[in-house]
Amino acid sequence: MLFERAESPLYEIDLELRKTCGHLNIVPVLGDIRDKNHLRKIFDSLKPQTVFHAAAYKHVPMLEIQPWKALENNTSGR
């Protein structure tokens, strides 16, 4: 399962994974982790065994100046 709130990146990674890992059963899901009802529905339906959280800011020097933004993004999806 790929879970993403931005349609274009979700579409692009879905295409890339289908090309390189065609043997996998890939399920792209458009959603926002702040929508707890939708997230619960998806988890109840697809029952993932492992979750990798990759929605992090990438520029460490910027986040060292504003560490609260990294904390918000990685803990509550803001």
Protein backbone atom coordinates (compact mmCIF):
# COMPACT_ATOMS: atom_id res chain seq x y z
CA MET A 1 0.00 0.00 0.00
CA LEU A 2 1.21 3.49 -0.86
CA PHE A 3 -0.53 6.21 1.14
CA GLU A 4 -0.05 9.80 0.03
CA ARG A 5 -2.01 13.04 0.18
CA ALA A 6 -0.51 14.52 -3.01
CA GLU A 7 -1.90 12.97 -6.18
CA SER A 8 1.06 13.57 -8.52
CA PRO A 9 3.77 12.03 -6.30
CA LEU A 10 1.48 9.07 -5.55
CA TYR A 11 0.90 8.53 -9.27
CA GLU A 12 4.61 8.82 -10.08
CA ILE A 13 5.79 6.35 -7.43
CA ASP A 14 3.02 3.95 -8.35
CA LEU A 15 4.16 3.99 -12.00
CA GLU A 16 7.82 3.60 -11.04
CA LEU A 17 7.16 0.66 -8.72
CA ARG A 18 4.95 -1.08 -11.27
CA LYS A 19 7.80 -0.84 -13.81
CA THR A 20 10.54 -2.05 -11.47
CA CYS A 21 8.57 -4.34 -9.14
CA GLY A 22 5.74 -5.58 -11.31
CA HIS A 23 5.42 -8.76 -9.24
CA LEU A 24 4.22 -6.78 -6.20
CA ASN A 25 0.58 -6.10 -5.45
CA ILE A 26 0.65 -2.29 -5.23
CA VAL A 27 -2.36 -0.42 -3.88
CA PRO A 28 -2.10 3.37 -4.18
CA VAL A 29 -4.32 5.21 -1.69
CA LEU A 30 -4.93 8.94 -1.86
CA GLY A 31 -5.50 10.25 1.66
CA ASP A 32 -4.30 12.35 4.55
CA ILE A 33 -3.07 10.89 7.85
CA ARG A 34 -4.94 13.64 9.68
CA ASP A 35 -8.22 12.03 8.52
CA LYS A 36 -8.35 9.37 11.22
CA ASN A 37 -11.63 7.84 9.99
CA HIS A 38 -10.28 7.30 6.47
CA LEU A 39 -6.97 6.00 7.81
CA ARG A 40 -8.76 3.53 10.12
CA LYS A 41 -10.94 2.35 7.22
CA ILE A 42 -7.90 1.76 4.99
CA PHE A 43 -5.98 -0.05 7.74
CA ASP A 44 -9.01 -2.22 8.58
CA SER A 45 -9.44 -3.05 4.90
CA LEU A 46 -5.82 -3.69 3.82
CA LYS A 47 -4.40 -4.78 7.20
CA PRO A 48 -0.75 -3.74 6.71
CA GLN A 49 1.72 -5.69 8.85
CA THR A 50 4.49 -3.09 8.69
CA VAL A 51 4.32 0.69 8.21
CA PHE A 52 7.23 2.81 6.97
CA HIS A 53 6.75 6.51 7.58
CA ALA A 54 8.59 8.44 4.88
CA ALA A 55 6.85 11.81 5.09
CA ALA A 56 9.67 13.82 6.55
CA TYR A 57 11.24 17.11 5.69
CA LYS A 58 14.54 16.56 3.91
CA HIS A 59 16.66 19.65 4.61
CA VAL A 60 18.22 19.11 8.02
CA PRO A 61 19.88 22.56 8.32
CA MET A 62 16.49 24.24 7.81
CA LEU A 63 14.91 22.04 10.46
CA GLU A 64 17.70 22.67 12.92
CA ILE A 65 16.56 26.30 12.86
CA GLN A 66 12.87 25.30 13.26
CA PRO A 67 12.84 21.91 15.03
CA TRP A 68 9.16 22.25 16.01
CA LYS A 69 8.20 22.00 12.30
CA ALA A 70 9.94 18.62 12.01
CA LEU A 71 8.19 17.46 15.16
CA GLU A 72 4.75 18.59 13.91
CA ASN A 73 5.24 16.94 10.51
CA ASN A 74 6.50 13.65 11.86
CA THR A 75 4.04 13.26 14.72
CA SER A 76 0.78 14.81 13.60
CA GLY A 77 1.04 15.32 9.84
CA ARG A 78 0.70 19.09 9.97
